[in-house]
Amino acid sequence: MNVGDLVSWLDKTGVIVRVYKHKLWRTNQHGVQVNFDKIDPEPFADVMIDGAVKSLPQSELKSVIVN
């Protein structure tokens, strides 16, 4: 995903304003004892939705195809 791409998240549409890598501890996969040394950063995006910027993992975004 790239800056300027349209994406959807939770049935809302937004535009990517920044892409970067960030560590996210997922308790359902790694448990409640946090240790960021054990995980790698994953792709994230700042997405403008309804006038607010949300920092979201790219794995939770879906590309919107515009014809």
C-alpha atoms as a PDB file:
ATOM      1  CA  MET A   1       0.000   0.000   0.000  1.00  0.00           C
ATOM      2  CA  ASN A   2       1.133   3.519  -0.781  1.00  0.00           C
ATOM      3  CA  VAL A   3       0.363   7.099   0.227  1.00  0.00           C
ATOM      4  CA  GLY A   4      -2.741   8.268  -1.626  1.00  0.00           C
ATOM      5  CA  ASP A   5      -4.343   4.803  -1.891  1.00  0.00           C
ATOM      6  CA  LEU A   6      -8.011   4.515  -0.989  1.00  0.00           C
ATOM      7  CA  VAL A   7      -8.683   1.831   1.617  1.00  0.00           C
ATOM      8  CA  SER A   8     -11.570   0.538   3.683  1.00  0.00           C
ATOM      9  CA  TRP A   9     -11.540  -0.359   7.381  1.00  0.00           C
ATOM     10  CA  LEU A  10     -14.598  -1.419   9.382  1.00  0.00           C
ATOM     11  CA  ASP A  11     -16.902  -0.381   6.507  1.00  0.00           C
ATOM     12  CA  LYS A  12     -15.382   3.115   6.402  1.00  0.00           C
ATOM     13  CA  THR A  13     -13.346   4.507   3.504  1.00  0.00           C
ATOM     14  CA  GLY A  14     -10.212   6.581   3.896  1.00  0.00           C
ATOM     15  CA  VAL A  15      -6.987   7.646   2.219  1.00  0.00           C
ATOM     16  CA  ILE A  16      -3.486   6.610   3.296  1.00  0.00           C
ATOM     17  CA  VAL A  17      -1.408   9.633   4.343  1.00  0.00           C
ATOM     18  CA  ARG A  18       1.694   7.792   5.659  1.00  0.00           C
ATOM     19  CA  VAL A  19       3.166   4.274   5.576  1.00  0.00           C
ATOM     20  CA  TYR A  20       5.705   2.936   8.081  1.00  0.00           C
ATOM     21  CA  LYS A  21       6.687  -0.096  10.186  1.00  0.00           C
ATOM     22  CA  HIS A  22       5.560  -0.476  13.796  1.00  0.00           C
ATOM     23  CA  LYS A  23       5.563  -3.216  16.425  1.00  0.00           C
ATOM     24  CA  LEU A  24       2.161  -4.396  17.624  1.00  0.00           C
ATOM     25  CA  TRP A  25       1.819  -6.891  20.449  1.00  0.00           C
ATOM     26  CA  ARG A  26      -1.157  -9.135  19.702  1.00  0.00           C
ATOM     27  CA  THR A  27      -2.188 -10.749  22.989  1.00  0.00           C
ATOM     28  CA  ASN A  28      -4.281 -13.381  21.199  1.00  0.00           C
ATOM     29  CA  GLN A  29      -1.087 -14.650  19.481  1.00  0.00           C
ATOM     30  CA  HIS A  30       1.701 -13.872  21.974  1.00  0.00           C
ATOM     31  CA  GLY A  31      -0.036 -13.820  25.379  1.00  0.00           C
ATOM     32  CA  VAL A  32      -0.325 -11.042  27.926  1.00  0.00           C
ATOM     33  CA  GLN A  33       3.373 -10.874  28.891  1.00  0.00           C
ATOM     34  CA  VAL A  34       4.683  -8.164  26.519  1.00  0.00           C
ATOM     35  CA  ASN A  35       8.221  -8.512  25.132  1.00  0.00           C
ATOM     36  CA  PHE A  36       8.797  -6.395  22.024  1.00  0.00           C
ATOM     37  CA  ASP A  37      12.224  -7.998  21.494  1.00  0.00           C
ATOM     38  CA  LYS A  38      10.421 -11.178  20.356  1.00  0.00           C
ATOM     39  CA  ILE A  39       8.476  -9.612  17.476  1.00  0.00           C
ATOM     40  CA  ASP A  40       9.311  -7.840  14.235  1.00  0.00           C
ATOM     41  CA  PRO A  41       7.772  -4.558  13.066  1.00  0.00           C
ATOM     42  CA  GLU A  42       4.863  -4.919  10.661  1.00  0.00           C
ATOM     43  CA  PRO A  43       3.544  -2.574   7.963  1.00  0.00           C
ATOM     44  CA  PHE A  44       1.277   0.180   9.301  1.00  0.00           C
ATOM     45  CA  ALA A  45      -0.510   3.110   7.687  1.00  0.00           C
ATOM     46  CA  ASP A  46      -1.904   6.396   8.917  1.00  0.00           C
ATOM     47  CA  VAL A  47      -5.327   6.650   7.297  1.00  0.00           C
ATOM     48  CA  MET A  48      -7.498   9.779   7.108  1.00  0.00           C
ATOM     49  CA  ILE A  49     -11.084   8.677   7.857  1.00  0.00           C
ATOM     50  CA  ASP A  50     -13.882  11.175   8.485  1.00  0.00           C
ATOM     51  CA  GLY A  51     -11.375  13.970   9.139  1.00  0.00           C
ATOM     52  CA  ALA A  52      -9.345  12.010  11.713  1.00  0.00           C
ATOM     53  CA  VAL A  53      -6.044  10.169  11.213  1.00  0.00           C
ATOM     54  CA  LYS A  54      -5.961   6.590  12.518  1.00  0.00           C
ATOM     55  CA  SER A  55      -2.802   4.470  12.814  1.00  0.00           C
ATOM     56  CA  LEU A  56      -3.729   1.012  11.564  1.00  0.00           C
ATOM     57  CA  PRO A  57      -1.954  -2.233  10.687  1.00  0.00           C
ATOM     58  CA  GLN A  58      -2.040  -2.699   6.926  1.00  0.00           C
ATOM     59  CA  SER A  59      -3.254  -6.265   7.475  1.00  0.00           C
ATOM     60  CA  GLU A  60      -6.589  -4.783   8.636  1.00  0.00           C
ATOM     61  CA  LEU A  61      -7.015  -2.581   5.539  1.00  0.00           C
ATOM     62  CA  LYS A  62      -8.608  -3.480   2.216  1.00  0.00           C
ATOM     63  CA  SER A  63      -7.776  -1.662  -1.010  1.00  0.00           C
ATOM     64  CA  VAL A  64     -10.629   0.165  -2.700  1.00  0.00           C
ATOM     65  CA  ILE A  65     -10.618  -0.218  -6.477  1.00  0.00           C
ATOM     66  CA  VAL A  66     -11.727   2.923  -8.319  1.00  0.00           C
ATOM     67  CA  ASN A  67     -12.653   2.594 -12.010  1.00  0.00           C
END
